[in-house]
Amino acid sequence: MFNFNLETKRKVWGFIFISPFIIGSILFFIAPLIQTVIYSLSEIDFSPAGYTLEYIGLDNYNEIFLVQMFFVQNISDLVINSLTNLPLIILFSFFVANLLNQKFKGRFLARVIFFLPVIITGEAIRRLRDVDFLSNIMEIEEGVEQIALSHSVRSFLLNLQLPEDFLNYFIGAVDRLPQVINASAIPIIIFLAGLQSIPNSLFEAALIDGATGWEKFWKVTFPLITPLILVNTVYILIDFFFVGLPGGNVGFGVEAAMGISYFLTLTIILSIIYKLISRWVFYHE
């Protein structure tokens, strides 16, 4: 009945596969987003009968940018923190994924350990430590060990006599190592899935051509993994902004304006980064 060529069939099946996401986005994302925009432009009065909206224009946005100055500071810190940690998380996740992709004894256990931050959230660990004296003692000991490790790494980096800006970045990376590890669980899984999906025939062909391990990495592995670098970049930034969403008792309309401002900031950052990274992405057909 429908005489489609192969390319058209792929597009149709692709649309079918993403249709649940499109429907879910319309019902659970776009509609609430429009409602939040309306709230951000209104003053909301609650009553036993419900609530009423009074349009006040951009007053809520004036409140968060000109009156509630903590919001500007929070969103600035969030942007700087996310962009600073992004390269570290990408590099660490890719490095660990390559290690976990190798065949060695205890590989399954190693994968479980790196995925634990997703299974056991930081909030669950915090609550356990709040009621467990022994855990508190262990936390202090871990802090001392971390300080000692940071001091050792700092001393090593200082002895290398690297450029000052480069050195300061890596010294800061040492201090943020626990945060980087905690944020790397999902990116590691994504990179690992991508590494395992690379056909062995490509590596065999490269080996026949006399390629070294280093050349196989840069000519085969890295180009095929670049789409997942883009995926992980988007995920990491969204995750950072989700964790840093504003809170506090400042009024429903003001909080809605904060949410919209966070969303627009994230959208702008994602658009710029997508534009920069997408030109280097290689899609294998």
C-alpha atoms as a PDB file:
ATOM      1  CA  MET A   1       0.000   0.000   0.000  1.00  0.00           C
ATOM      2  CA  PHE A   2       2.781   2.408   0.932  1.00  0.00           C
ATOM      3  CA  ASN A   3       5.776   2.067  -1.349  1.00  0.00           C
ATOM      4  CA  PHE A   4       8.405   3.783   0.804  1.00  0.00           C
ATOM      5  CA  ASN A   5      12.110   3.711   0.118  1.00  0.00           C
ATOM      6  CA  LEU A   6      14.556   2.660   2.846  1.00  0.00           C
ATOM      7  CA  GLU A   7      15.309   6.186   4.028  1.00  0.00           C
ATOM      8  CA  THR A   8      11.622   7.041   4.375  1.00  0.00           C
ATOM      9  CA  LYS A   9      10.947   3.817   6.273  1.00  0.00           C
ATOM     10  CA  ARG A  10      13.715   4.665   8.719  1.00  0.00           C
ATOM     11  CA  LYS A  11      12.224   8.113   9.294  1.00  0.00           C
ATOM     12  CA  VAL A  12       8.758   6.661   9.844  1.00  0.00           C
ATOM     13  CA  TRP A  13      10.012   4.070  12.316  1.00  0.00           C
ATOM     14  CA  GLY A  14      12.106   6.715  14.040  1.00  0.00           C
ATOM     15  CA  PHE A  15       9.020   8.894  14.466  1.00  0.00           C
ATOM     16  CA  ILE A  16       7.059   5.909  15.799  1.00  0.00           C
ATOM     17  CA  PHE A  17       9.745   5.184  18.389  1.00  0.00           C
ATOM     18  CA  ILE A  18       9.905   8.793  19.612  1.00  0.00           C
ATOM     19  CA  SER A  19       6.125   9.371  19.514  1.00  0.00           C
ATOM     20  CA  PRO A  20       5.676   8.359  23.200  1.00  0.00           C
ATOM     21  CA  PHE A  21       8.291  10.955  24.121  1.00  0.00           C
ATOM     22  CA  ILE A  22       6.535  13.610  22.003  1.00  0.00           C
ATOM     23  CA  ILE A  23       3.148  12.839  23.552  1.00  0.00           C
ATOM     24  CA  GLY A  24       4.651  12.798  27.051  1.00  0.00           C
ATOM     25  CA  SER A  25       6.420  16.113  26.421  1.00  0.00           C
ATOM     26  CA  ILE A  26       3.195  17.777  25.327  1.00  0.00           C
ATOM     27  CA  LEU A  27       1.176  16.449  28.267  1.00  0.00           C
ATOM     28  CA  PHE A  28       3.753  16.611  31.060  1.00  0.00           C
ATOM     29  CA  PHE A  29       6.207  19.320  29.982  1.00  0.00           C
ATOM     30  CA  ILE A  30       4.836  21.882  27.537  1.00  0.00           C
ATOM     31  CA  ALA A  31       1.452  22.295  29.240  1.00  0.00           C
ATOM     32  CA  PRO A  32       2.978  22.746  32.753  1.00  0.00           C
ATOM     33  CA  LEU A  33       5.593  25.087  31.270  1.00  0.00           C
ATOM     34  CA  ILE A  34       2.905  27.338  29.803  1.00  0.00           C
ATOM     35  CA  GLN A  35       1.058  27.276  33.133  1.00  0.00           C
ATOM     36  CA  THR A  36       4.272  28.220  34.968  1.00  0.00           C
ATOM     37  CA  VAL A  37       4.813  31.175  32.621  1.00  0.00           C
ATOM     38  CA  ILE A  38       1.301  32.366  33.430  1.00  0.00           C
ATOM     39  CA  TYR A  39       1.994  32.025  37.160  1.00  0.00           C
ATOM     40  CA  SER A  40       5.271  33.936  36.821  1.00  0.00           C
ATOM     41  CA  LEU A  41       3.397  36.886  35.345  1.00  0.00           C
ATOM     42  CA  SER A  42       0.670  36.889  37.983  1.00  0.00           C
ATOM     43  CA  GLU A  43       0.056  37.409  41.665  1.00  0.00           C
ATOM     44  CA  ILE A  44      -1.648  34.367  43.141  1.00  0.00           C
ATOM     45  CA  ASP A  45      -4.149  34.611  45.961  1.00  0.00           C
ATOM     46  CA  PHE A  46      -5.209  31.361  47.607  1.00  0.00           C
ATOM     47  CA  SER A  47      -8.569  30.869  49.281  1.00  0.00           C
ATOM     48  CA  PRO A  48     -10.670  27.930  50.520  1.00  0.00           C
ATOM     49  CA  ALA A  49     -12.464  28.005  47.178  1.00  0.00           C
ATOM     50  CA  GLY A  50      -9.246  27.757  45.175  1.00  0.00           C
ATOM     51  CA  TYR A  51      -6.973  30.501  43.865  1.00  0.00           C
ATOM     52  CA  THR A  52      -7.205  33.629  41.723  1.00  0.00           C
ATOM     53  CA  LEU A  53      -4.646  35.128  39.346  1.00  0.00           C
ATOM     54  CA  GLU A  54      -4.002  38.825  38.936  1.00  0.00           C
ATOM     55  CA  TYR A  55      -1.771  39.823  36.032  1.00  0.00           C
ATOM     56  CA  ILE A  56       1.168  41.925  37.247  1.00  0.00           C
ATOM     57  CA  GLY A  57       3.491  41.731  34.244  1.00  0.00           C
ATOM     58  CA  LEU A  58       7.191  41.425  35.011  1.00  0.00           C
ATOM     59  CA  ASP A  59       6.968  42.364  38.690  1.00  0.00           C
ATOM     60  CA  ASN A  60       7.989  38.859  39.808  1.00  0.00           C
ATOM     61  CA  TYR A  61      11.039  39.004  37.550  1.00  0.00           C
ATOM     62  CA  ASN A  62      11.947  42.430  38.929  1.00  0.00           C
ATOM     63  CA  GLU A  63      11.686  40.867  42.374  1.00  0.00           C
ATOM     64  CA  ILE A  64      14.184  38.086  41.689  1.00  0.00           C
ATOM     65  CA  PHE A  65      16.699  40.142  39.691  1.00  0.00           C
ATOM     66  CA  LEU A  66      16.545  43.511  41.479  1.00  0.00           C
ATOM     67  CA  VAL A  67      15.267  42.746  44.987  1.00  0.00           C
ATOM     68  CA  GLN A  68      16.066  39.092  45.800  1.00  0.00           C
ATOM     69  CA  MET A  69      19.737  39.436  44.905  1.00  0.00           C
ATOM     70  CA  PHE A  70      20.527  35.955  46.234  1.00  0.00           C
ATOM     71  CA  PHE A  71      18.901  34.547  43.103  1.00  0.00           C
ATOM     72  CA  VAL A  72      21.369  36.262  40.767  1.00  0.00           C
ATOM     73  CA  GLN A  73      24.234  34.998  42.910  1.00  0.00           C
ATOM     74  CA  ASN A  74      22.817  31.466  43.018  1.00  0.00           C
ATOM     75  CA  ILE A  75      22.265  31.201  39.286  1.00  0.00           C
ATOM     76  CA  SER A  76      25.720  32.677  38.563  1.00  0.00           C
ATOM     77  CA  ASP A  77      27.368  30.171  40.895  1.00  0.00           C
ATOM     78  CA  LEU A  78      25.355  27.364  39.321  1.00  0.00           C
ATOM     79  CA  VAL A  79      26.417  28.279  35.786  1.00  0.00           C
ATOM     80  CA  ILE A  80      30.087  28.586  36.768  1.00  0.00           C
ATOM     81  CA  ASN A  81      30.003  25.353  38.778  1.00  0.00           C
ATOM     82  CA  SER A  82      28.311  23.349  36.028  1.00  0.00           C
ATOM     83  CA  LEU A  83      30.594  24.608  33.250  1.00  0.00           C
ATOM     84  CA  THR A  84      33.673  24.049  35.422  1.00  0.00           C
ATOM     85  CA  ASN A  85      32.739  20.490  36.375  1.00  0.00           C
ATOM     86  CA  LEU A  86      31.455  19.502  32.931  1.00  0.00           C
ATOM     87  CA  PRO A  87      34.857  18.730  31.328  1.00  0.00           C
ATOM     88  CA  LEU A  88      35.978  16.871  34.458  1.00  0.00           C
ATOM     89  CA  ILE A  89      32.875  14.669  34.513  1.00  0.00           C
ATOM     90  CA  ILE A  90      33.108  13.935  30.783  1.00  0.00           C
ATOM     91  CA  LEU A  91      36.801  12.994  30.983  1.00  0.00           C
ATOM     92  CA  PHE A  92      36.413  10.948  34.165  1.00  0.00           C
ATOM     93  CA  SER A  93      33.322   9.126  32.862  1.00  0.00           C
ATOM     94  CA  PHE A  94      34.954   8.309  29.548  1.00  0.00           C
ATOM     95  CA  PHE A  95      38.139   7.122  31.254  1.00  0.00           C
ATOM     96  CA  VAL A  96      36.266   4.869  33.700  1.00  0.00           C
ATOM     97  CA  ALA A  97      33.989   3.536  30.946  1.00  0.00           C
ATOM     98  CA  ASN A  98      37.061   2.501  28.930  1.00  0.00           C
ATOM     99  CA  LEU A  99      38.460   0.723  31.978  1.00  0.00           C
ATOM    100  CA  LEU A 100      35.197  -1.064  32.708  1.00  0.00           C
ATOM    101  CA  ASN A 101      34.948  -2.101  29.073  1.00  0.00           C
ATOM    102  CA  GLN A 102      38.129  -4.161  29.425  1.00  0.00           C
ATOM    103  CA  LYS A 103      38.027  -7.811  30.422  1.00  0.00           C
ATOM    104  CA  PHE A 104      39.362  -8.402  33.937  1.00  0.00           C
ATOM    105  CA  LYS A 105      38.411 -10.285  37.067  1.00  0.00           C
ATOM    106  CA  GLY A 106      35.889  -8.453  39.223  1.00  0.00           C
ATOM    107  CA  ARG A 107      34.600  -6.329  36.335  1.00  0.00           C
ATOM    108  CA  PHE A 108      30.967  -6.800  37.385  1.00  0.00           C
ATOM    109  CA  LEU A 109      31.737  -5.681  40.950  1.00  0.00           C
ATOM    110  CA  ALA A 110      33.628  -2.640  39.652  1.00  0.00           C
ATOM    111  CA  ARG A 111      30.645  -1.645  37.504  1.00  0.00           C
ATOM    112  CA  VAL A 112      28.302  -1.962  40.479  1.00  0.00           C
ATOM    113  CA  ILE A 113      30.561   0.225  42.628  1.00  0.00           C
ATOM    114  CA  PHE A 114      30.626   3.046  40.078  1.00  0.00           C
ATOM    115  CA  PHE A 115      26.848   2.816  39.644  1.00  0.00           C
ATOM    116  CA  LEU A 116      26.139   2.949  43.401  1.00  0.00           C
ATOM    117  CA  PRO A 117      25.635   6.758  43.458  1.00  0.00           C
ATOM    118  CA  VAL A 118      22.502   6.200  41.368  1.00  0.00           C
ATOM    119  CA  ILE A 119      21.168   3.341  43.479  1.00  0.00           C
ATOM    120  CA  ILE A 120      21.930   4.955  46.837  1.00  0.00           C
ATOM    121  CA  THR A 121      21.234   8.671  46.643  1.00  0.00           C
ATOM    122  CA  GLY A 122      23.148  11.258  48.615  1.00  0.00           C
ATOM    123  CA  GLU A 123      20.057  12.031  50.691  1.00  0.00           C
ATOM    124  CA  ALA A 124      19.722   8.399  51.778  1.00  0.00           C
ATOM    125  CA  ILE A 125      23.387   8.305  52.785  1.00  0.00           C
ATOM    126  CA  ARG A 126      22.999  11.575  54.690  1.00  0.00           C
ATOM    127  CA  ARG A 127      20.057  10.262  56.700  1.00  0.00           C
ATOM    128  CA  LEU A 128      21.894   7.066  57.541  1.00  0.00           C
ATOM    129  CA  ARG A 129      24.876   9.039  58.761  1.00  0.00           C
ATOM    130  CA  ASP A 130      22.669  11.338  60.846  1.00  0.00           C
ATOM    131  CA  VAL A 131      21.492   8.392  62.952  1.00  0.00           C
ATOM    132  CA  ASP A 132      24.652   6.310  62.927  1.00  0.00           C
ATOM    133  CA  PHE A 133      27.474   7.411  65.231  1.00  0.00           C
ATOM    134  CA  LEU A 134      29.897   4.969  63.652  1.00  0.00           C
ATOM    135  CA  SER A 135      29.188   6.407  60.221  1.00  0.00           C
ATOM    136  CA  ASN A 136      29.927   9.886  61.546  1.00  0.00           C
ATOM    137  CA  ILE A 137      33.304   8.681  62.834  1.00  0.00           C
ATOM    138  CA  MET A 138      33.997   7.075  59.441  1.00  0.00           C
ATOM    139  CA  GLU A 139      33.012  10.305  57.715  1.00  0.00           C
ATOM    140  CA  ILE A 140      35.611  12.214  59.752  1.00  0.00           C
ATOM    141  CA  GLU A 141      38.270   9.635  58.899  1.00  0.00           C
ATOM    142  CA  GLU A 142      37.347   9.803  55.213  1.00  0.00           C
ATOM    143  CA  GLY A 143      37.636  13.589  55.387  1.00  0.00           C
ATOM    144  CA  VAL A 144      41.132  13.340  56.843  1.00  0.00           C
ATOM    145  CA  GLU A 145      42.138  10.825  54.159  1.00  0.00           C
ATOM    146  CA  GLN A 146      40.711  13.070  51.444  1.00  0.00           C
ATOM    147  CA  ILE A 147      42.664  16.070  52.761  1.00  0.00           C
ATOM    148  CA  ALA A 148      45.830  13.977  52.790  1.00  0.00           C
ATOM    149  CA  LEU A 149      45.167  12.770  49.245  1.00  0.00           C
ATOM    150  CA  SER A 150      44.452  16.313  48.069  1.00  0.00           C
ATOM    151  CA  HIS A 151      47.696  17.536  49.641  1.00  0.00           C
ATOM    152  CA  SER A 152      49.676  14.778  47.918  1.00  0.00           C
ATOM    153  CA  VAL A 153      48.124  15.508  44.536  1.00  0.00           C
ATOM    154  CA  ARG A 154      48.609  19.242  45.004  1.00  0.00           C
ATOM    155  CA  SER A 155      52.294  18.723  45.810  1.00  0.00           C
ATOM    156  CA  PHE A 156      52.716  16.515  42.742  1.00  0.00           C
ATOM    157  CA  LEU A 157      51.068  19.073  40.442  1.00  0.00           C
ATOM    158  CA  LEU A 158      53.067  21.962  41.872  1.00  0.00           C
ATOM    159  CA  ASN A 159      56.309  20.102  41.186  1.00  0.00           C
ATOM    160  CA  LEU A 160      55.364  19.770  37.510  1.00  0.00           C
ATOM    161  CA  GLN A 161      55.680  23.564  37.052  1.00  0.00           C
ATOM    162  CA  LEU A 162      52.650  23.730  34.746  1.00  0.00           C
ATOM    163  CA  PRO A 163      51.039  27.027  33.599  1.00  0.00           C
ATOM    164  CA  GLU A 164      49.307  28.762  36.513  1.00  0.00           C
ATOM    165  CA  ASP A 165      45.754  28.751  35.077  1.00  0.00           C
ATOM    166  CA  PHE A 166      46.080  25.106  34.060  1.00  0.00           C
ATOM    167  CA  LEU A 167      47.475  24.226  37.477  1.00  0.00           C
ATOM    168  CA  ASN A 168      44.735  26.067  39.388  1.00  0.00           C
ATOM    169  CA  TYR A 169      42.063  24.254  37.407  1.00  0.00           C
ATOM    170  CA  PHE A 170      43.458  20.826  38.216  1.00  0.00           C
ATOM    171  CA  ILE A 171      44.029  21.684  41.870  1.00  0.00           C
ATOM    172  CA  GLY A 172      40.393  22.729  42.034  1.00  0.00           C
ATOM    173  CA  ALA A 173      39.479  19.472  40.313  1.00  0.00           C
ATOM    174  CA  VAL A 174      41.111  17.537  43.140  1.00  0.00           C
ATOM    175  CA  ASP A 175      38.908  19.327  45.669  1.00  0.00           C
ATOM    176  CA  ARG A 176      35.798  18.571  43.590  1.00  0.00           C
ATOM    177  CA  LEU A 177      36.651  14.915  43.013  1.00  0.00           C
ATOM    178  CA  PRO A 178      33.836  13.484  45.225  1.00  0.00           C
ATOM    179  CA  GLN A 179      31.290  15.658  43.418  1.00  0.00           C
ATOM    180  CA  VAL A 180      32.664  14.581  40.032  1.00  0.00           C
ATOM    181  CA  ILE A 181      32.496  10.886  40.955  1.00  0.00           C
ATOM    182  CA  ASN A 182      28.928  11.244  42.244  1.00  0.00           C
ATOM    183  CA  ALA A 183      27.810  12.943  39.002  1.00  0.00           C
ATOM    184  CA  SER A 184      29.559  10.418  36.730  1.00  0.00           C
ATOM    185  CA  ALA A 185      27.428   7.299  37.311  1.00  0.00           C
ATOM    186  CA  ILE A 186      24.939   7.780  34.466  1.00  0.00           C
ATOM    187  CA  PRO A 187      27.529   9.188  31.996  1.00  0.00           C
ATOM    188  CA  ILE A 188      29.719   6.128  32.665  1.00  0.00           C
ATOM    189  CA  ILE A 189      26.818   3.820  31.793  1.00  0.00           C
ATOM    190  CA  ILE A 190      26.083   5.788  28.611  1.00  0.00           C
ATOM    191  CA  PHE A 191      29.715   5.728  27.495  1.00  0.00           C
ATOM    192  CA  LEU A 192      30.005   2.035  28.371  1.00  0.00           C
ATOM    193  CA  ALA A 193      26.946   1.194  26.275  1.00  0.00           C
ATOM    194  CA  GLY A 194      28.416   3.168  23.380  1.00  0.00           C
ATOM    195  CA  LEU A 195      31.779   1.424  23.622  1.00  0.00           C
ATOM    196  CA  GLN A 196      30.116  -1.983  23.626  1.00  0.00           C
ATOM    197  CA  SER A 197      28.052  -1.087  20.548  1.00  0.00           C
ATOM    198  CA  ILE A 198      31.103  -0.428  18.352  1.00  0.00           C
ATOM    199  CA  PRO A 199      31.377  -3.316  15.857  1.00  0.00           C
ATOM    200  CA  ASN A 200      34.444  -5.500  16.340  1.00  0.00           C
ATOM    201  CA  SER A 201      34.820  -5.620  12.562  1.00  0.00           C
ATOM    202  CA  LEU A 202      36.034  -2.013  12.612  1.00  0.00           C
ATOM    203  CA  PHE A 203      38.812  -2.842  15.057  1.00  0.00           C
ATOM    204  CA  GLU A 204      39.724  -5.942  13.049  1.00  0.00           C
ATOM    205  CA  ALA A 205      39.929  -3.890   9.856  1.00  0.00           C
ATOM    206  CA  ALA A 206      42.110  -1.308  11.611  1.00  0.00           C
ATOM    207  CA  LEU A 207      44.353  -4.092  12.941  1.00  0.00           C
ATOM    208  CA  ILE A 208      44.761  -5.538   9.441  1.00  0.00           C
ATOM    209  CA  ASP A 209      45.759  -2.079   8.211  1.00  0.00           C
ATOM    210  CA  GLY A 210      48.490  -2.031  10.846  1.00  0.00           C
ATOM    211  CA  ALA A 211      46.908   0.509  13.201  1.00  0.00           C
ATOM    212  CA  THR A 212      48.320   0.742  16.707  1.00  0.00           C
ATOM    213  CA  GLY A 213      46.158   0.819  19.828  1.00  0.00           C
ATOM    214  CA  TRP A 214      46.531   4.602  19.998  1.00  0.00           C
ATOM    215  CA  GLU A 215      45.502   4.981  16.357  1.00  0.00           C
ATOM    216  CA  LYS A 216      42.504   2.669  16.833  1.00  0.00           C
ATOM    217  CA  PHE A 217      41.351   4.834  19.720  1.00  0.00           C
ATOM    218  CA  TRP A 218      41.531   8.119  17.818  1.00  0.00           C
ATOM    219  CA  LYS A 219      40.426   6.778  14.419  1.00  0.00           C
ATOM    220  CA  VAL A 220      37.724   4.323  15.505  1.00  0.00           C
ATOM    221  CA  THR A 221      36.680   4.571  19.152  1.00  0.00           C
ATOM    222  CA  PHE A 222      36.668   8.319  19.687  1.00  0.00           C
ATOM    223  CA  PRO A 223      34.801   9.347  16.482  1.00  0.00           C
ATOM    224  CA  LEU A 224      32.071   6.764  17.118  1.00  0.00           C
ATOM    225  CA  ILE A 225      31.674   7.868  20.729  1.00  0.00           C
ATOM    226  CA  THR A 226      31.339  11.614  19.951  1.00  0.00           C
ATOM    227  CA  PRO A 227      27.495  11.489  19.735  1.00  0.00           C
ATOM    228  CA  LEU A 228      27.456  10.211  23.307  1.00  0.00           C
ATOM    229  CA  ILE A 229      29.748  13.031  24.409  1.00  0.00           C
ATOM    230  CA  LEU A 230      27.013  15.383  23.247  1.00  0.00           C
ATOM    231  CA  VAL A 231      24.327  13.305  24.997  1.00  0.00           C
ATOM    232  CA  ASN A 232      26.268  13.243  28.261  1.00  0.00           C
ATOM    233  CA  THR A 233      26.955  16.968  28.051  1.00  0.00           C
ATOM    234  CA  VAL A 234      23.237  17.688  27.818  1.00  0.00           C
ATOM    235  CA  TYR A 235      22.458  15.233  30.627  1.00  0.00           C
ATOM    236  CA  ILE A 236      25.126  16.600  32.984  1.00  0.00           C
ATOM    237  CA  LEU A 237      24.032  20.213  32.537  1.00  0.00           C
ATOM    238  CA  ILE A 238      20.361  19.350  33.060  1.00  0.00           C
ATOM    239  CA  ASP A 239      21.293  17.328  36.145  1.00  0.00           C
ATOM    240  CA  PHE A 240      23.248  20.230  37.621  1.00  0.00           C
ATOM    241  CA  PHE A 241      20.409  22.681  37.042  1.00  0.00           C
ATOM    242  CA  PHE A 242      17.834  20.241  38.402  1.00  0.00           C
ATOM    243  CA  VAL A 243      19.779  19.855  41.642  1.00  0.00           C
ATOM    244  CA  GLY A 244      20.231  23.622  41.865  1.00  0.00           C
ATOM    245  CA  LEU A 245      16.581  24.576  41.458  1.00  0.00           C
ATOM    246  CA  PRO A 246      15.610  27.468  43.762  1.00  0.00           C
ATOM    247  CA  GLY A 247      13.571  27.012  46.891  1.00  0.00           C
ATOM    248  CA  GLY A 248      12.325  28.968  49.847  1.00  0.00           C
ATOM    249  CA  ASN A 249       9.158  30.696  50.912  1.00  0.00           C
ATOM    250  CA  VAL A 250       9.233  33.695  48.569  1.00  0.00           C
ATOM    251  CA  GLY A 251       5.794  33.393  47.026  1.00  0.00           C
ATOM    252  CA  PHE A 252       4.360  31.118  44.370  1.00  0.00           C
ATOM    253  CA  GLY A 253       4.592  33.668  41.556  1.00  0.00           C
ATOM    254  CA  VAL A 254       8.179  34.573  42.424  1.00  0.00           C
ATOM    255  CA  GLU A 255       9.199  30.903  42.542  1.00  0.00           C
ATOM    256  CA  ALA A 256       7.557  30.403  39.143  1.00  0.00           C
ATOM    257  CA  ALA A 257       9.622  33.306  37.786  1.00  0.00           C
ATOM    258  CA  MET A 258      12.739  31.691  39.254  1.00  0.00           C
ATOM    259  CA  GLY A 259      11.899  28.398  37.553  1.00  0.00           C
ATOM    260  CA  ILE A 260      11.361  30.070  34.181  1.00  0.00           C
ATOM    261  CA  SER A 261      14.632  31.995  34.558  1.00  0.00           C
ATOM    262  CA  TYR A 262      16.498  28.772  35.344  1.00  0.00           C
ATOM    263  CA  PHE A 263      14.887  27.116  32.336  1.00  0.00           C
ATOM    264  CA  LEU A 264      15.808  29.960  29.963  1.00  0.00           C
ATOM    265  CA  THR A 265      19.379  30.063  31.294  1.00  0.00           C
ATOM    266  CA  LEU A 266      19.759  26.322  30.793  1.00  0.00           C
ATOM    267  CA  THR A 267      18.237  26.539  27.301  1.00  0.00           C
ATOM    268  CA  ILE A 268      20.699  29.259  26.257  1.00  0.00           C
ATOM    269  CA  ILE A 269      23.696  27.346  27.631  1.00  0.00           C
ATOM    270  CA  LEU A 270      22.583  24.094  25.981  1.00  0.00           C
ATOM    271  CA  SER A 271      22.035  25.856  22.653  1.00  0.00           C
ATOM    272  CA  ILE A 272      25.531  27.370  22.692  1.00  0.00           C
ATOM    273  CA  ILE A 273      27.241  24.140  23.741  1.00  0.00           C
ATOM    274  CA  TYR A 274      25.236  22.093  21.249  1.00  0.00           C
ATOM    275  CA  LYS A 275      26.297  24.488  18.489  1.00  0.00           C
ATOM    276  CA  LEU A 276      29.950  24.169  19.509  1.00  0.00           C
ATOM    277  CA  ILE A 277      30.029  20.392  19.967  1.00  0.00           C
ATOM    278  CA  SER A 278      27.718  19.246  17.158  1.00  0.00           C
ATOM    279  CA  ARG A 279      30.188  20.289  14.458  1.00  0.00           C
ATOM    280  CA  TRP A 280      32.642  17.677  15.835  1.00  0.00           C
ATOM    281  CA  VAL A 281      30.104  14.888  16.190  1.00  0.00           C
ATOM    282  CA  PHE A 282      30.489  11.932  13.809  1.00  0.00           C
ATOM    283  CA  TYR A 283      27.452   9.793  13.030  1.00  0.00           C
ATOM    284  CA  HIS A 284      28.253   6.340  11.683  1.00  0.00           C
ATOM    285  CA  GLU A 285      25.754   4.909   9.204  1.00  0.00           C
END
